[in-house]
Every structure is written in structure tokens, then in C-alpha cells.
Amino acid sequence: MGDEYFAQPENLARGAAYIEQIARIAGELRRRFDEDIRETAGWPGQDDDMAKQFKAIEERDRELVVRTGGALFEALIGVTDGTTASLRNIRGTQNDVLDSIEEAKRRGGKR
């Protein structure tokens, strides 16, 4: 760790707000996708030759797509949570330093 601590909380807050917005949109897209994909579940048929050929593949692929979409959404939530936690940490550090400076001023620079 270096001797300096530098952060731009305003920029971090702005970035966190953008990430939150993206995560909200992604959550809505995921919800709609999950609803829409359920409607296609029977497209290969039930017991004809096409169903026998494609049903297992379609189920596997659909599950993979749903899990991948879920993982991407969870990753966005993780980035949002991490960024927000970093921002709280930075602001807490800033506030502690500012409080220490004010306390030192009140004491006239004496310990």
C-alpha cells in the first residue's frame, strides 16, 4: 500500500448509479426472457420424430441459456454491490480524516 490515498467519490457515485441502472434493466430483461423462453418449451413437439431428436438438446440448451443469463445478472449485482461498498468506504475514510483535521484545529494543533 502506498503513502497516499486518492479517490474521486463523485465519479465513483456516478459510475455506481450507472451500474445500478444497467443492473435494473438487466433484471427486467432477464425476467422477460425467462417468461418468453417458457412459452417456447414445447416447440420440438412431444412424441413425434422431431421431438425425439431435438427435445433433450432443446431442454439442455434452454437451461444453459437461462443459467448463463442468471450468472450475468448476478455478476452485475455483484459489481454494483462492490462499487457501492467501495464508495461507502471511501466516504467513511474521507469523513474520518476531515473529522481528525477539525479536531486538530480545535486543539490548536496540540495533541
N, C-alpha and C. Protein backbone atom coordinates (compact mmCIF):
# COMPACT_ATOMS: atom_id res chain seq x y z
N MET A 1 0.84 -1.17 0.00
CA MET A 1 0.00 0.00 0.00
C MET A 1 0.88 1.24 0.00
N GLY A 2 0.50 2.24 -0.74
CA GLY A 2 1.28 3.46 -0.86
C GLY A 2 1.06 4.40 0.31
N ASP A 3 1.74 5.53 0.25
CA ASP A 3 1.63 6.54 1.29
C ASP A 3 0.46 7.49 1.07
N GLU A 4 -0.16 7.40 -0.09
CA GLU A 4 -1.25 8.31 -0.42
C GLU A 4 -2.54 7.54 -0.63
N TYR A 5 -3.61 8.26 -0.42
CA TYR A 5 -4.95 7.71 -0.62
C TYR A 5 -5.69 8.69 -1.50
N PHE A 6 -6.04 8.28 -2.70
CA PHE A 6 -6.67 9.18 -3.66
C PHE A 6 -7.96 8.53 -4.17
N ALA A 7 -9.02 9.30 -4.19
CA ALA A 7 -10.29 8.80 -4.73
C ALA A 7 -11.11 9.97 -5.22
N GLN A 8 -11.97 9.68 -6.16
CA GLN A 8 -12.91 10.68 -6.65
C GLN A 8 -14.32 10.12 -6.40
N PRO A 9 -14.84 10.34 -5.19
CA PRO A 9 -16.12 9.73 -4.84
C PRO A 9 -17.27 10.17 -5.73
N GLU A 10 -17.23 11.40 -6.24
CA GLU A 10 -18.32 11.86 -7.11
C GLU A 10 -18.36 11.00 -8.38
N ASN A 11 -17.18 10.74 -8.94
CA ASN A 11 -17.13 9.91 -10.14
C ASN A 11 -17.54 8.47 -9.83
N LEU A 12 -17.11 7.98 -8.69
CA LEU A 12 -17.48 6.63 -8.28
C LEU A 12 -18.98 6.53 -8.06
N ALA A 13 -19.56 7.55 -7.43
CA ALA A 13 -21.01 7.56 -7.20
C ALA A 13 -21.76 7.59 -8.53
N ARG A 14 -21.28 8.39 -9.46
CA ARG A 14 -21.91 8.46 -10.78
C ARG A 14 -21.82 7.10 -11.48
N GLY A 15 -20.64 6.49 -11.41
CA GLY A 15 -20.47 5.16 -12.00
C GLY A 15 -21.36 4.12 -11.36
N ALA A 16 -21.47 4.18 -10.03
CA ALA A 16 -22.33 3.23 -9.31
C ALA A 16 -23.79 3.40 -9.73
N ALA A 17 -24.21 4.64 -9.93
CA ALA A 17 -25.60 4.89 -10.36
C ALA A 17 -25.83 4.30 -11.75
N TYR A 18 -24.86 4.44 -12.64
CA TYR A 18 -24.99 3.86 -13.98
C TYR A 18 -25.05 2.35 -13.91
N ILE A 19 -24.19 1.77 -13.09
CA ILE A 19 -24.17 0.31 -12.96
C ILE A 19 -25.49 -0.19 -12.38
N GLU A 20 -26.03 0.53 -11.39
CA GLU A 20 -27.33 0.15 -10.82
C GLU A 20 -28.42 0.20 -11.88
N GLN A 21 -28.38 1.22 -12.70
CA GLN A 21 -29.37 1.35 -13.76
C GLN A 21 -29.25 0.18 -14.75
N ILE A 22 -28.03 -0.16 -15.11
CA ILE A 22 -27.80 -1.29 -16.02
C ILE A 22 -28.30 -2.58 -15.37
N ALA A 23 -28.02 -2.76 -14.09
CA ALA A 23 -28.47 -3.97 -13.38
C ALA A 23 -29.99 -4.05 -13.35
N ARG A 24 -30.66 -2.91 -13.12
CA ARG A 24 -32.13 -2.90 -13.13
C ARG A 24 -32.67 -3.29 -14.50
N ILE A 25 -32.09 -2.73 -15.55
CA ILE A 25 -32.52 -3.06 -16.91
C ILE A 25 -32.25 -4.53 -17.19
N ALA A 26 -31.08 -5.01 -16.78
CA ALA A 26 -30.74 -6.42 -16.99
C ALA A 26 -31.71 -7.33 -16.24
N GLY A 27 -32.09 -6.93 -15.03
CA GLY A 27 -33.06 -7.72 -14.27
C GLY A 27 -34.40 -7.81 -14.97
N GLU A 28 -34.84 -6.70 -15.52
CA GLU A 28 -36.11 -6.70 -16.26
C GLU A 28 -35.99 -7.54 -17.52
N LEU A 29 -34.88 -7.41 -18.24
CA LEU A 29 -34.68 -8.22 -19.43
C LEU A 29 -34.65 -9.70 -19.09
N ARG A 30 -34.00 -10.04 -17.98
CA ARG A 30 -33.94 -11.44 -17.56
C ARG A 30 -35.34 -11.97 -17.26
N ARG A 31 -36.11 -11.18 -16.51
CA ARG A 31 -37.48 -11.60 -16.17
C ARG A 31 -38.31 -11.84 -17.43
N ARG A 32 -38.23 -10.89 -18.36
CA ARG A 32 -38.99 -11.04 -19.61
C ARG A 32 -38.48 -12.22 -20.43
N PHE A 33 -37.16 -12.40 -20.48
CA PHE A 33 -36.59 -13.52 -21.21
C PHE A 33 -37.06 -14.85 -20.62
N ASP A 34 -37.01 -14.96 -19.29
CA ASP A 34 -37.46 -16.20 -18.64
C ASP A 34 -38.92 -16.49 -18.97
N GLU A 35 -39.76 -15.46 -18.97
CA GLU A 35 -41.17 -15.64 -19.33
C GLU A 35 -41.30 -16.09 -20.79
N ASP A 36 -40.59 -15.41 -21.68
CA ASP A 36 -40.69 -15.72 -23.11
C ASP A 36 -40.15 -17.10 -23.44
N ILE A 37 -39.07 -17.50 -22.80
CA ILE A 37 -38.47 -18.79 -23.15
C ILE A 37 -39.35 -19.94 -22.68
N ARG A 38 -40.09 -19.73 -21.59
CA ARG A 38 -41.02 -20.77 -21.13
C ARG A 38 -42.09 -21.05 -22.19
N GLU A 39 -42.47 -20.00 -22.91
CA GLU A 39 -43.50 -20.17 -23.94
C GLU A 39 -43.03 -21.01 -25.11
N THR A 40 -41.73 -21.15 -25.29
CA THR A 40 -41.20 -21.92 -26.42
C THR A 40 -40.84 -23.36 -26.03
N ALA A 41 -41.13 -23.74 -24.81
CA ALA A 41 -40.69 -25.04 -24.30
C ALA A 41 -41.15 -26.22 -25.15
N GLY A 42 -42.30 -26.16 -25.75
CA GLY A 42 -42.80 -27.31 -26.49
C GLY A 42 -42.56 -27.28 -27.98
N TRP A 43 -41.71 -26.38 -28.46
CA TRP A 43 -41.57 -26.23 -29.91
C TRP A 43 -41.12 -27.49 -30.63
N PRO A 44 -40.30 -28.38 -30.05
CA PRO A 44 -39.92 -29.56 -30.84
C PRO A 44 -41.03 -30.61 -30.90
N GLY A 45 -42.11 -30.39 -30.17
CA GLY A 45 -43.18 -31.38 -30.13
C GLY A 45 -43.07 -32.23 -28.88
N GLN A 46 -43.90 -33.28 -28.81
CA GLN A 46 -43.92 -34.11 -27.61
C GLN A 46 -43.41 -35.53 -27.85
N ASP A 47 -43.93 -36.18 -28.88
CA ASP A 47 -43.56 -37.60 -29.04
C ASP A 47 -43.34 -38.01 -30.50
N ASP A 48 -43.28 -37.03 -31.40
CA ASP A 48 -43.02 -37.39 -32.80
C ASP A 48 -41.50 -37.50 -33.03
N ASP A 49 -41.10 -37.78 -34.26
CA ASP A 49 -39.68 -37.98 -34.56
C ASP A 49 -38.85 -36.73 -34.26
N MET A 50 -39.39 -35.57 -34.59
CA MET A 50 -38.66 -34.33 -34.32
C MET A 50 -38.45 -34.14 -32.83
N ALA A 51 -39.50 -34.41 -32.04
CA ALA A 51 -39.39 -34.28 -30.59
C ALA A 51 -38.32 -35.21 -30.05
N LYS A 52 -38.32 -36.44 -30.54
CA LYS A 52 -37.33 -37.42 -30.07
C LYS A 52 -35.92 -36.95 -30.40
N GLN A 53 -35.77 -36.30 -31.53
CA GLN A 53 -34.45 -35.87 -31.98
C GLN A 53 -33.97 -34.61 -31.25
N PHE A 54 -34.88 -33.67 -31.01
CA PHE A 54 -34.46 -32.35 -30.53
C PHE A 54 -34.83 -32.01 -29.09
N LYS A 55 -35.75 -32.70 -28.47
CA LYS A 55 -36.26 -32.30 -27.16
C LYS A 55 -35.15 -32.23 -26.10
N ALA A 56 -34.34 -33.25 -25.98
CA ALA A 56 -33.28 -33.24 -24.97
C ALA A 56 -32.27 -32.13 -25.24
N ILE A 57 -31.93 -31.92 -26.50
CA ILE A 57 -30.98 -30.86 -26.87
C ILE A 57 -31.57 -29.50 -26.54
N GLU A 58 -32.83 -29.31 -26.88
CA GLU A 58 -33.50 -28.03 -26.63
C GLU A 58 -33.59 -27.75 -25.13
N GLU A 59 -33.92 -28.75 -24.34
CA GLU A 59 -34.00 -28.56 -22.89
C GLU A 59 -32.64 -28.22 -22.30
N ARG A 60 -31.60 -28.92 -22.74
CA ARG A 60 -30.24 -28.65 -22.26
C ARG A 60 -29.81 -27.23 -22.64
N ASP A 61 -30.03 -26.87 -23.90
CA ASP A 61 -29.63 -25.54 -24.37
C ASP A 61 -30.41 -24.43 -23.67
N ARG A 62 -31.69 -24.65 -23.46
CA ARG A 62 -32.51 -23.64 -22.79
C ARG A 62 -32.02 -23.45 -21.36
N GLU A 63 -31.77 -24.55 -20.67
CA GLU A 63 -31.28 -24.46 -19.29
C GLU A 63 -29.93 -23.73 -19.24
N LEU A 64 -29.06 -24.01 -20.19
CA LEU A 64 -27.76 -23.35 -20.24
C LEU A 64 -27.91 -21.85 -20.45
N VAL A 65 -28.79 -21.46 -21.35
CA VAL A 65 -29.02 -20.04 -21.62
C VAL A 65 -29.60 -19.35 -20.39
N VAL A 66 -30.55 -19.99 -19.73
CA VAL A 66 -31.16 -19.40 -18.54
C VAL A 66 -30.12 -19.26 -17.43
N ARG A 67 -29.29 -20.28 -17.22
CA ARG A 67 -28.25 -20.21 -16.18
C ARG A 67 -27.21 -19.14 -16.52
N THR A 68 -26.83 -19.04 -17.79
CA THR A 68 -25.84 -18.04 -18.20
C THR A 68 -26.39 -16.64 -17.99
N GLY A 69 -27.65 -16.42 -18.39
CA GLY A 69 -28.28 -15.12 -18.17
C GLY A 69 -28.34 -14.79 -16.69
N GLY A 70 -28.68 -15.78 -15.87
CA GLY A 70 -28.72 -15.57 -14.43
C GLY A 70 -27.36 -15.22 -13.86
N ALA A 71 -26.32 -15.89 -14.35
CA ALA A 71 -24.96 -15.61 -13.88
C ALA A 71 -24.53 -14.21 -14.26
N LEU A 72 -24.86 -13.77 -15.46
CA LEU A 72 -24.53 -12.41 -15.88
C LEU A 72 -25.25 -11.38 -15.02
N PHE A 73 -26.51 -11.63 -14.74
CA PHE A 73 -27.28 -10.73 -13.89
C PHE A 73 -26.66 -10.67 -12.50
N GLU A 74 -26.32 -11.82 -11.93
CA GLU A 74 -25.71 -11.86 -10.60
C GLU A 74 -24.37 -11.14 -10.60
N ALA A 75 -23.61 -11.26 -11.69
CA ALA A 75 -22.33 -10.56 -11.79
C ALA A 75 -22.55 -9.04 -11.76
N LEU A 76 -23.56 -8.56 -12.45
CA LEU A 76 -23.87 -7.13 -12.43
C LEU A 76 -24.25 -6.67 -11.03
N ILE A 77 -25.03 -7.49 -10.35
CA ILE A 77 -25.40 -7.15 -8.97
C ILE A 77 -24.15 -7.11 -8.09
N GLY A 78 -23.25 -8.07 -8.30
CA GLY A 78 -22.01 -8.10 -7.53
C GLY A 78 -21.15 -6.86 -7.77
N VAL A 79 -21.06 -6.44 -9.02
CA VAL A 79 -20.29 -5.23 -9.34
C VAL A 79 -20.94 -4.01 -8.69
N THR A 80 -22.26 -3.95 -8.76
CA THR A 80 -22.98 -2.83 -8.15
C THR A 80 -22.74 -2.81 -6.64
N ASP A 81 -22.88 -3.97 -6.00
CA ASP A 81 -22.68 -4.03 -4.56
C ASP A 81 -21.24 -3.68 -4.18
N GLY A 82 -20.28 -4.19 -4.94
CA GLY A 82 -18.87 -3.90 -4.66
C GLY A 82 -18.54 -2.43 -4.83
N THR A 83 -19.07 -1.83 -5.88
CA THR A 83 -18.82 -0.41 -6.13
C THR A 83 -19.44 0.44 -5.03
N THR A 84 -20.64 0.10 -4.62
CA THR A 84 -21.31 0.84 -3.56
C THR A 84 -20.56 0.68 -2.23
N ALA A 85 -20.07 -0.51 -1.95
CA ALA A 85 -19.30 -0.73 -0.72
C ALA A 85 -18.00 0.08 -0.76
N SER A 86 -17.34 0.11 -1.91
CA SER A 86 -16.12 0.91 -2.05
C SER A 86 -16.41 2.38 -1.82
N LEU A 87 -17.50 2.85 -2.36
CA LEU A 87 -17.87 4.25 -2.19
C LEU A 87 -18.13 4.57 -0.72
N ARG A 88 -18.84 3.68 -0.02
CA ARG A 88 -19.07 3.89 1.43
C ARG A 88 -17.75 3.94 2.18
N ASN A 89 -16.84 3.05 1.81
CA ASN A 89 -15.53 3.01 2.46
C ASN A 89 -14.75 4.30 2.22
N ILE A 90 -14.76 4.76 0.99
CA ILE A 90 -14.04 6.00 0.64
C ILE A 90 -14.64 7.19 1.38
N ARG A 91 -15.95 7.28 1.37
CA ARG A 91 -16.59 8.41 2.06
C ARG A 91 -16.35 8.33 3.57
N GLY A 92 -16.38 7.13 4.11
CA GLY A 92 -16.09 6.97 5.54
C GLY A 92 -14.67 7.41 5.87
N THR A 93 -13.72 7.03 5.02
CA THR A 93 -12.32 7.44 5.22
C THR A 93 -12.20 8.95 5.12
N GLN A 94 -12.84 9.54 4.11
CA GLN A 94 -12.79 11.00 3.97
C GLN A 94 -13.36 11.68 5.21
N ASN A 95 -14.51 11.21 5.66
CA ASN A 95 -15.15 11.82 6.82
C ASN A 95 -14.27 11.69 8.06
N ASP A 96 -13.65 10.53 8.24
CA ASP A 96 -12.76 10.34 9.39
C ASP A 96 -11.58 11.31 9.34
N VAL A 97 -10.99 11.46 8.15
CA VAL A 97 -9.86 12.38 8.00
C VAL A 97 -10.30 13.82 8.26
N LEU A 98 -11.43 14.22 7.69
CA LEU A 98 -11.92 15.58 7.91
C LEU A 98 -12.23 15.82 9.38
N ASP A 99 -12.82 14.83 10.04
CA ASP A 99 -13.10 14.97 11.48
C ASP A 99 -11.80 15.13 12.26
N SER A 100 -10.78 14.38 11.90
CA SER A 100 -9.48 14.47 12.57
C SER A 100 -8.85 15.85 12.37
N ILE A 101 -8.97 16.38 11.17
CA ILE A 101 -8.43 17.71 10.88
C ILE A 101 -9.16 18.76 11.71
N GLU A 102 -10.48 18.67 11.77
CA GLU A 102 -11.26 19.63 12.56
C GLU A 102 -10.91 19.51 14.04
N GLU A 103 -10.74 18.30 14.52
CA GLU A 103 -10.37 18.10 15.93
C GLU A 103 -8.99 18.71 16.20
N ALA A 104 -8.07 18.53 15.27
CA ALA A 104 -6.74 19.12 15.44
C ALA A 104 -6.80 20.65 15.44
N LYS A 105 -7.66 21.21 14.60
CA LYS A 105 -7.82 22.67 14.57
C LYS A 105 -8.37 23.17 15.91
N ARG A 106 -9.33 22.44 16.47
CA ARG A 106 -9.93 22.86 17.75
C ARG A 106 -8.91 22.83 18.88
N ARG A 107 -8.01 21.90 18.81
CA ARG A 107 -6.98 21.78 19.83
C ARG A 107 -5.80 22.72 19.56
N GLY A 108 -5.84 23.41 18.46
CA GLY A 108 -4.75 24.32 18.12
C GLY A 108 -3.51 23.58 17.66
N GLY A 109 -3.70 22.41 17.10
CA GLY A 109 -2.58 21.65 16.60
C GLY A 109 -1.87 20.85 17.67
N LYS A 110 -2.33 20.91 18.93
CA LYS A 110 -1.70 20.17 20.03
C LYS A 110 -2.35 18.81 20.18
N ARG A 111 -1.57 17.86 20.60
CA ARG A 111 -2.10 16.50 20.80
C ARG A 111 -2.64 16.29 22.16
